[in-house]
Amino acid sequence: MPQLLKVQYFTPEGLEKLKAELQERTEVIRQRIAARIGEARDLGDLSENAEYVEAKEDQGFNESRIEELNNIIKNAVMADPQHHQGQVNVGSTIKVKSDKGEFKFTVVGASESDPVNGFISNESPLGQAFLGAKKGETVEAKVPKGVIEYKILEIE
């Protein structure tokens, strides 16, 4: 049975990072691994050749990641913050205020999330609370520590 692909949203920058990783894996890493396999094969008995086994495992991982990247890129949905039409969407950068202060977040797809640096996933409770909200609205985000209210000050 074919596996259903989950829609993944990306900012233009995030998609470019994936394309760069794909290029690195196909043009550089693949050749390095092939060279390692060749060198290990030249050492003789493959059944007890740890270098050969390790290189083959690395090759399997790399090829698997290449296939995964190809599928992600092929099915990626580009988040376009320019078309937010006054509401928070994937790709929007927002300035919000809570009783803890003012914060700036960018709502991104799950693959790009980095909460420590303000990139929150559209699938997270906080990201879901912001999606569709408009400037001036107050939203409630259910987080593990309870409910936090945020007022949307700006949407970019």
N, C-alpha and C. Protein backbone atom coordinates (compact mmCIF):
# COMPACT_ATOMS: atom_id res chain seq x y z
N MET A 1 0.85 -1.18 0.00
CA MET A 1 0.00 0.00 0.00
C MET A 1 0.89 1.24 0.00
N PRO A 2 0.66 2.20 -0.89
CA PRO A 2 1.52 3.38 -0.93
C PRO A 2 1.34 4.24 0.31
N GLN A 3 2.46 4.82 0.73
CA GLN A 3 2.45 5.68 1.90
C GLN A 3 1.92 7.05 1.50
N LEU A 4 0.98 7.59 2.28
CA LEU A 4 0.45 8.91 2.02
C LEU A 4 1.46 9.95 2.49
N LEU A 5 1.72 10.92 1.63
CA LEU A 5 2.67 11.97 2.00
C LEU A 5 1.94 13.08 2.72
N LYS A 6 2.52 13.51 3.81
CA LYS A 6 1.98 14.62 4.57
C LYS A 6 2.41 15.91 3.91
N VAL A 7 1.50 16.85 3.77
CA VAL A 7 1.84 18.15 3.20
C VAL A 7 2.81 18.85 4.14
N GLN A 8 3.90 19.33 3.57
CA GLN A 8 4.88 20.06 4.37
C GLN A 8 5.04 21.45 3.77
N TYR A 9 4.93 22.45 4.63
CA TYR A 9 5.06 23.84 4.20
C TYR A 9 6.49 24.30 4.43
N PHE A 10 6.97 25.12 3.49
CA PHE A 10 8.33 25.65 3.59
C PHE A 10 8.35 27.12 3.19
N THR A 11 9.24 27.85 3.86
CA THR A 11 9.55 29.19 3.40
C THR A 11 10.50 29.03 2.22
N PRO A 12 10.67 30.04 1.40
CA PRO A 12 11.63 29.93 0.30
C PRO A 12 13.03 29.58 0.79
N GLU A 13 13.44 30.14 1.93
CA GLU A 13 14.76 29.86 2.48
C GLU A 13 14.89 28.41 2.91
N GLY A 14 13.85 27.90 3.56
CA GLY A 14 13.86 26.52 4.02
C GLY A 14 13.93 25.53 2.88
N LEU A 15 13.20 25.82 1.80
CA LEU A 15 13.23 24.93 0.64
C LEU A 15 14.60 24.98 -0.03
N GLU A 16 15.21 26.14 -0.07
CA GLU A 16 16.56 26.25 -0.64
C GLU A 16 17.58 25.44 0.16
N LYS A 17 17.43 25.42 1.49
CA LYS A 17 18.33 24.62 2.33
C LYS A 17 18.21 23.14 1.98
N LEU A 18 16.97 22.68 1.77
CA LEU A 18 16.77 21.28 1.41
C LEU A 18 17.38 20.97 0.05
N LYS A 19 17.21 21.87 -0.90
CA LYS A 19 17.79 21.68 -2.24
C LYS A 19 19.31 21.64 -2.16
N ALA A 20 19.90 22.48 -1.31
CA ALA A 20 21.35 22.49 -1.14
C ALA A 20 21.82 21.18 -0.51
N GLU A 21 21.07 20.68 0.47
CA GLU A 21 21.43 19.40 1.08
C GLU A 21 21.35 18.28 0.04
N LEU A 22 20.30 18.29 -0.78
CA LEU A 22 20.16 17.27 -1.82
C LEU A 22 21.34 17.31 -2.78
N GLN A 23 21.72 18.50 -3.19
CA GLN A 23 22.85 18.64 -4.11
C GLN A 23 24.14 18.13 -3.47
N GLU A 24 24.36 18.48 -2.21
CA GLU A 24 25.55 18.02 -1.48
C GLU A 24 25.58 16.49 -1.40
N ARG A 25 24.44 15.90 -1.10
CA ARG A 25 24.38 14.44 -0.96
C ARG A 25 24.57 13.71 -2.29
N THR A 26 24.03 14.27 -3.38
CA THR A 26 24.15 13.59 -4.67
C THR A 26 25.48 13.84 -5.36
N GLU A 27 26.03 15.05 -5.19
CA GLU A 27 27.24 15.41 -5.93
C GLU A 27 28.54 15.23 -5.15
N VAL A 28 28.48 15.26 -3.83
CA VAL A 28 29.70 15.19 -3.04
C VAL A 28 29.74 13.93 -2.16
N ILE A 29 28.75 13.80 -1.30
CA ILE A 29 28.76 12.70 -0.33
C ILE A 29 28.68 11.35 -1.03
N ARG A 30 27.84 11.25 -2.05
CA ARG A 30 27.71 9.98 -2.77
C ARG A 30 29.06 9.53 -3.34
N GLN A 31 29.84 10.46 -3.91
CA GLN A 31 31.14 10.13 -4.49
C GLN A 31 32.15 9.74 -3.40
N ARG A 32 32.11 10.45 -2.27
CA ARG A 32 33.00 10.12 -1.16
C ARG A 32 32.75 8.70 -0.67
N ILE A 33 31.49 8.35 -0.52
CA ILE A 33 31.14 7.01 -0.03
C ILE A 33 31.56 5.95 -1.04
N ALA A 34 31.34 6.22 -2.32
CA ALA A 34 31.75 5.27 -3.36
C ALA A 34 33.26 5.04 -3.31
N ALA A 35 34.02 6.11 -3.09
CA ALA A 35 35.47 5.98 -2.99
C ALA A 35 35.86 5.14 -1.77
N ARG A 36 35.17 5.36 -0.64
CA ARG A 36 35.44 4.58 0.57
C ARG A 36 35.14 3.10 0.35
N ILE A 37 34.04 2.83 -0.34
CA ILE A 37 33.68 1.43 -0.62
C ILE A 37 34.75 0.79 -1.49
N GLY A 38 35.21 1.52 -2.51
CA GLY A 38 36.26 1.00 -3.38
C GLY A 38 37.55 0.72 -2.64
N GLU A 39 37.95 1.64 -1.76
CA GLU A 39 39.17 1.45 -0.97
C GLU A 39 39.03 0.26 -0.03
N ALA A 40 37.86 0.13 0.61
CA ALA A 40 37.64 -0.98 1.54
C ALA A 40 37.61 -2.31 0.79
N ARG A 41 37.04 -2.30 -0.41
CA ARG A 41 36.98 -3.52 -1.21
C ARG A 41 38.39 -3.99 -1.58
N ASP A 42 39.28 -3.03 -1.82
CA ASP A 42 40.66 -3.36 -2.17
C ASP A 42 41.43 -4.00 -1.02
N LEU A 43 40.91 -3.89 0.20
CA LEU A 43 41.58 -4.47 1.37
C LEU A 43 41.39 -5.98 1.46
N GLY A 44 40.48 -6.52 0.66
CA GLY A 44 40.32 -7.97 0.64
C GLY A 44 39.02 -8.45 1.22
N ASP A 45 39.08 -9.47 2.05
CA ASP A 45 37.92 -10.18 2.60
C ASP A 45 36.85 -9.20 3.10
N LEU A 46 35.71 -9.17 2.41
CA LEU A 46 34.64 -8.23 2.76
C LEU A 46 33.82 -8.68 3.96
N SER A 47 33.83 -9.97 4.27
CA SER A 47 33.00 -10.48 5.35
C SER A 47 33.44 -9.96 6.72
N GLU A 48 34.70 -9.65 6.88
CA GLU A 48 35.19 -9.15 8.16
C GLU A 48 35.85 -7.78 8.00
N ASN A 49 35.38 -7.03 7.04
CA ASN A 49 35.98 -5.73 6.74
C ASN A 49 35.07 -4.63 7.30
N ALA A 50 35.43 -4.12 8.48
CA ALA A 50 34.62 -3.12 9.16
C ALA A 50 34.48 -1.84 8.35
N GLU A 51 35.53 -1.44 7.65
CA GLU A 51 35.47 -0.22 6.83
C GLU A 51 34.44 -0.37 5.72
N TYR A 52 34.40 -1.55 5.12
CA TYR A 52 33.45 -1.82 4.04
C TYR A 52 32.02 -1.80 4.57
N VAL A 53 31.80 -2.48 5.69
CA VAL A 53 30.46 -2.54 6.29
C VAL A 53 29.99 -1.13 6.65
N GLU A 54 30.86 -0.34 7.26
CA GLU A 54 30.49 1.02 7.65
C GLU A 54 30.19 1.89 6.43
N ALA A 55 31.01 1.77 5.39
CA ALA A 55 30.78 2.56 4.17
C ALA A 55 29.46 2.15 3.51
N LYS A 56 29.14 0.86 3.49
CA LYS A 56 27.87 0.41 2.91
C LYS A 56 26.68 0.92 3.73
N GLU A 57 26.82 0.95 5.06
CA GLU A 57 25.75 1.50 5.90
C GLU A 57 25.58 2.99 5.62
N ASP A 58 26.68 3.72 5.50
CA ASP A 58 26.62 5.15 5.17
C ASP A 58 25.97 5.35 3.81
N GLN A 59 26.27 4.48 2.87
CA GLN A 59 25.69 4.58 1.53
C GLN A 59 24.17 4.39 1.61
N GLY A 60 23.74 3.40 2.37
CA GLY A 60 22.31 3.15 2.53
C GLY A 60 21.60 4.34 3.15
N PHE A 61 22.21 4.91 4.19
CA PHE A 61 21.61 6.08 4.84
C PHE A 61 21.54 7.25 3.86
N ASN A 62 22.64 7.50 3.15
CA ASN A 62 22.68 8.63 2.22
C ASN A 62 21.64 8.47 1.11
N GLU A 63 21.55 7.29 0.54
CA GLU A 63 20.58 7.06 -0.54
C GLU A 63 19.15 7.20 -0.04
N SER A 64 18.92 6.76 1.18
CA SER A 64 17.60 6.89 1.79
C SER A 64 17.25 8.37 1.99
N ARG A 65 18.23 9.14 2.46
CA ARG A 65 17.99 10.57 2.68
C ARG A 65 17.79 11.29 1.34
N ILE A 66 18.50 10.90 0.30
CA ILE A 66 18.32 11.49 -1.03
C ILE A 66 16.89 11.25 -1.51
N GLU A 67 16.41 10.03 -1.35
CA GLU A 67 15.03 9.70 -1.76
C GLU A 67 14.03 10.52 -0.95
N GLU A 68 14.27 10.63 0.36
CA GLU A 68 13.38 11.41 1.22
C GLU A 68 13.37 12.88 0.80
N LEU A 69 14.55 13.45 0.54
CA LEU A 69 14.63 14.86 0.12
C LEU A 69 13.92 15.08 -1.21
N ASN A 70 14.11 14.16 -2.15
CA ASN A 70 13.42 14.28 -3.44
C ASN A 70 11.90 14.30 -3.26
N ASN A 71 11.39 13.42 -2.40
CA ASN A 71 9.94 13.38 -2.14
C ASN A 71 9.45 14.65 -1.45
N ILE A 72 10.20 15.12 -0.48
CA ILE A 72 9.81 16.33 0.24
C ILE A 72 9.77 17.51 -0.72
N ILE A 73 10.82 17.68 -1.51
CA ILE A 73 10.91 18.81 -2.44
C ILE A 73 9.81 18.73 -3.49
N LYS A 74 9.57 17.54 -4.00
CA LYS A 74 8.55 17.35 -5.04
C LYS A 74 7.16 17.71 -4.52
N ASN A 75 6.90 17.44 -3.24
CA ASN A 75 5.57 17.65 -2.67
C ASN A 75 5.47 18.87 -1.75
N ALA A 76 6.53 19.66 -1.70
CA ALA A 76 6.54 20.82 -0.80
C ALA A 76 5.53 21.86 -1.24
N VAL A 77 4.95 22.51 -0.25
CA VAL A 77 4.04 23.63 -0.50
C VAL A 77 4.76 24.88 -0.02
N MET A 78 4.92 25.84 -0.94
CA MET A 78 5.64 27.07 -0.62
C MET A 78 4.75 28.02 0.16
N ALA A 79 5.23 28.43 1.32
CA ALA A 79 4.53 29.44 2.11
C ALA A 79 4.91 30.80 1.57
N ASP A 80 3.92 31.61 1.27
CA ASP A 80 4.17 32.93 0.71
C ASP A 80 3.64 34.00 1.64
N PRO A 81 4.52 34.58 2.47
CA PRO A 81 4.06 35.58 3.43
C PRO A 81 3.51 36.84 2.76
N GLN A 82 3.79 37.05 1.48
CA GLN A 82 3.29 38.23 0.78
C GLN A 82 1.78 38.17 0.55
N HIS A 83 1.21 36.98 0.65
CA HIS A 83 -0.21 36.81 0.41
C HIS A 83 -0.98 36.50 1.70
N HIS A 84 -0.57 37.13 2.79
CA HIS A 84 -1.23 36.84 4.06
C HIS A 84 -2.59 37.48 4.18
N GLN A 85 -2.90 38.48 3.35
CA GLN A 85 -4.21 39.15 3.30
C GLN A 85 -4.70 39.55 4.69
N GLY A 86 -3.77 40.06 5.49
CA GLY A 86 -4.16 40.57 6.80
C GLY A 86 -4.34 39.53 7.88
N GLN A 87 -4.03 38.28 7.57
CA GLN A 87 -4.15 37.26 8.60
C GLN A 87 -2.90 36.41 8.64
N VAL A 88 -2.68 35.74 9.75
CA VAL A 88 -1.49 34.93 9.95
C VAL A 88 -1.61 33.63 9.16
N ASN A 89 -0.60 33.37 8.34
CA ASN A 89 -0.49 32.13 7.57
C ASN A 89 0.90 31.55 7.78
N VAL A 90 1.14 30.37 7.24
CA VAL A 90 2.48 29.81 7.24
C VAL A 90 3.37 30.77 6.44
N GLY A 91 4.47 31.15 7.01
CA GLY A 91 5.38 32.10 6.39
C GLY A 91 5.26 33.50 6.97
N SER A 92 4.20 33.76 7.71
CA SER A 92 4.01 35.09 8.31
C SER A 92 4.95 35.28 9.49
N THR A 93 5.48 36.48 9.60
CA THR A 93 6.23 36.88 10.79
C THR A 93 5.32 37.82 11.55
N ILE A 94 5.16 37.54 12.83
CA ILE A 94 4.22 38.32 13.64
C ILE A 94 4.91 38.85 14.89
N LYS A 95 4.43 40.00 15.32
CA LYS A 95 4.85 40.57 16.58
C LYS A 95 3.64 40.46 17.50
N VAL A 96 3.84 39.88 18.68
CA VAL A 96 2.74 39.65 19.61
C VAL A 96 3.11 40.14 21.00
N LYS A 97 2.06 40.31 21.80
CA LYS A 97 2.27 40.75 23.18
C LYS A 97 1.48 39.83 24.10
N SER A 98 2.13 39.41 25.19
CA SER A 98 1.45 38.64 26.24
C SER A 98 1.81 39.29 27.57
N ASP A 99 1.33 38.69 28.66
CA ASP A 99 1.68 39.25 29.96
C ASP A 99 3.16 39.03 30.30
N LYS A 100 3.86 38.26 29.46
CA LYS A 100 5.30 38.01 29.65
C LYS A 100 6.16 38.97 28.81
N GLY A 101 5.53 39.79 27.96
CA GLY A 101 6.27 40.74 27.14
C GLY A 101 5.91 40.63 25.67
N GLU A 102 6.73 41.28 24.84
CA GLU A 102 6.52 41.25 23.39
C GLU A 102 7.47 40.25 22.76
N PHE A 103 6.96 39.55 21.74
CA PHE A 103 7.73 38.52 21.05
C PHE A 103 7.53 38.62 19.55
N LYS A 104 8.50 38.11 18.82
CA LYS A 104 8.39 38.05 17.37
C LYS A 104 8.53 36.58 16.97
N PHE A 105 7.56 36.10 16.21
CA PHE A 105 7.56 34.71 15.75
C PHE A 105 7.39 34.67 14.24
N THR A 106 7.94 33.64 13.64
CA THR A 106 7.66 33.33 12.24
C THR A 106 7.02 31.95 12.23
N VAL A 107 5.84 31.86 11.63
CA VAL A 107 5.13 30.59 11.55
C VAL A 107 5.67 29.85 10.32
N VAL A 108 6.22 28.67 10.55
CA VAL A 108 6.84 27.88 9.48
C VAL A 108 6.28 26.46 9.50
N GLY A 109 6.60 25.70 8.47
CA GLY A 109 6.25 24.29 8.46
C GLY A 109 7.04 23.56 9.53
N ALA A 110 6.55 22.39 9.91
CA ALA A 110 7.16 21.62 11.00
C ALA A 110 8.63 21.32 10.74
N SER A 111 9.01 21.12 9.49
CA SER A 111 10.40 20.79 9.16
C SER A 111 11.37 21.93 9.43
N GLU A 112 10.85 23.14 9.47
CA GLU A 112 11.72 24.30 9.68
C GLU A 112 11.65 24.86 11.09
N SER A 113 10.83 24.29 11.94
CA SER A 113 10.63 24.89 13.26
C SER A 113 11.93 24.94 14.07
N ASP A 114 12.07 26.02 14.79
CA ASP A 114 13.21 26.27 15.68
C ASP A 114 12.72 27.26 16.73
N PRO A 115 11.92 26.77 17.68
CA PRO A 115 11.28 27.66 18.64
C PRO A 115 12.22 28.58 19.40
N VAL A 116 13.41 28.11 19.71
CA VAL A 116 14.38 28.93 20.45
C VAL A 116 14.69 30.22 19.67
N ASN A 117 14.68 30.13 18.34
CA ASN A 117 14.98 31.30 17.51
C ASN A 117 13.73 31.94 16.93
N GLY A 118 12.55 31.60 17.46
CA GLY A 118 11.32 32.26 17.05
C GLY A 118 10.63 31.67 15.83
N PHE A 119 11.06 30.52 15.35
CA PHE A 119 10.42 29.86 14.21
C PHE A 119 9.52 28.76 14.77
N ILE A 120 8.20 29.02 14.78
CA ILE A 120 7.27 28.07 15.38
C ILE A 120 6.51 27.31 14.30
N SER A 121 6.29 26.05 14.58
CA SER A 121 5.61 25.17 13.63
C SER A 121 4.13 25.50 13.53
N ASN A 122 3.61 25.41 12.32
CA ASN A 122 2.18 25.60 12.11
C ASN A 122 1.38 24.47 12.77
N GLU A 123 2.06 23.38 13.15
CA GLU A 123 1.38 22.25 13.78
C GLU A 123 1.42 22.32 15.30
N SER A 124 2.23 23.23 15.84
CA SER A 124 2.34 23.36 17.30
C SER A 124 1.09 24.06 17.84
N PRO A 125 0.81 23.89 19.13
CA PRO A 125 -0.34 24.59 19.71
C PRO A 125 -0.26 26.11 19.52
N LEU A 126 0.92 26.66 19.65
CA LEU A 126 1.09 28.10 19.48
C LEU A 126 0.86 28.50 18.02
N GLY A 127 1.47 27.76 17.10
CA GLY A 127 1.29 28.05 15.67
C GLY A 127 -0.16 27.92 15.24
N GLN A 128 -0.82 26.88 15.72
CA GLN A 128 -2.23 26.67 15.37
C GLN A 128 -3.11 27.79 15.91
N ALA A 129 -2.77 28.30 17.10
CA ALA A 129 -3.55 29.40 17.67
C ALA A 129 -3.43 30.66 16.83
N PHE A 130 -2.25 30.89 16.25
CA PHE A 130 -2.03 32.11 15.46
C PHE A 130 -2.63 32.03 14.05
N LEU A 131 -2.67 30.84 13.46
CA LEU A 131 -3.14 30.72 12.08
C LEU A 131 -4.54 31.30 11.90
N GLY A 132 -4.67 32.17 10.92
CA GLY A 132 -5.96 32.78 10.61
C GLY A 132 -6.27 34.02 11.42
N ALA A 133 -5.49 34.31 12.46
CA ALA A 133 -5.74 35.48 13.30
C ALA A 133 -5.34 36.75 12.56
N LYS A 134 -5.95 37.87 12.94
CA LYS A 134 -5.69 39.15 12.30
C LYS A 134 -5.07 40.12 13.30
N LYS A 135 -4.46 41.16 12.76
CA LYS A 135 -3.85 42.21 13.59
C LYS A 135 -4.91 42.76 14.55
N GLY A 136 -4.52 42.90 15.81
CA GLY A 136 -5.41 43.43 16.83
C GLY A 136 -6.18 42.37 17.59
N GLU A 137 -6.25 41.16 17.03
CA GLU A 137 -6.98 40.08 17.71
C GLU A 137 -6.14 39.51 18.84
N THR A 138 -6.84 38.93 19.81
CA THR A 138 -6.19 38.21 20.90
C THR A 138 -6.52 36.73 20.71
N VAL A 139 -5.47 35.91 20.78
CA VAL A 139 -5.66 34.46 20.63
C VAL A 139 -5.20 33.78 21.90
N GLU A 140 -5.75 32.60 22.13
CA GLU A 140 -5.36 31.79 23.27
C GLU A 140 -4.62 30.56 22.76
N ALA A 141 -3.47 30.31 23.33
CA ALA A 141 -2.69 29.13 22.97
C ALA A 141 -2.64 28.20 24.16
N LYS A 142 -3.10 26.96 23.94
CA LYS A 142 -3.05 25.96 25.00
C LYS A 142 -1.69 25.29 24.95
N VAL A 143 -0.91 25.52 25.98
CA VAL A 143 0.45 24.97 26.08
C VAL A 143 0.50 24.08 27.32
N PRO A 144 1.55 23.27 27.45
CA PRO A 144 1.63 22.36 28.61
C PRO A 144 1.45 23.04 29.97
N LYS A 145 1.86 24.30 30.07
CA LYS A 145 1.75 24.99 31.36
C LYS A 145 0.41 25.70 31.55
N GLY A 146 -0.50 25.55 30.58
CA GLY A 146 -1.80 26.20 30.70
C GLY A 146 -2.18 26.93 29.42
N VAL A 147 -2.88 28.04 29.58
CA VAL A 147 -3.34 28.84 28.44
C VAL A 147 -2.66 30.21 28.50
N ILE A 148 -2.11 30.63 27.36
CA ILE A 148 -1.47 31.94 27.27
C ILE A 148 -2.22 32.76 26.23
N GLU A 149 -2.49 34.01 26.56
CA GLU A 149 -3.14 34.92 25.62
C GLU A 149 -2.10 35.80 24.96
N TYR A 150 -2.22 35.94 23.65
CA TYR A 150 -1.34 36.79 22.87
C TYR A 150 -2.19 37.76 22.05
N LYS A 151 -1.79 39.01 22.05
CA LYS A 151 -2.43 40.00 21.18
C LYS A 151 -1.52 40.19 19.97
N ILE A 152 -2.10 40.10 18.77
CA ILE A 152 -1.33 40.25 17.53
C ILE A 152 -1.13 41.75 17.29
N LEU A 153 0.13 42.19 17.29
CA LEU A 153 0.44 43.61 17.09
C LEU A 153 0.76 43.92 15.64
N GLU A 154 1.47 43.01 14.95
CA GLU A 154 1.87 43.21 13.55
C GLU A 154 1.91 41.87 12.83
N ILE A 155 1.64 41.93 11.53
CA ILE A 155 1.78 40.75 10.67
C ILE A 155 2.58 41.17 9.45
N GLU A 156 3.66 40.44 9.19
CA GLU A 156 4.46 40.73 8.00
C GLU A 156 4.35 39.57 7.03
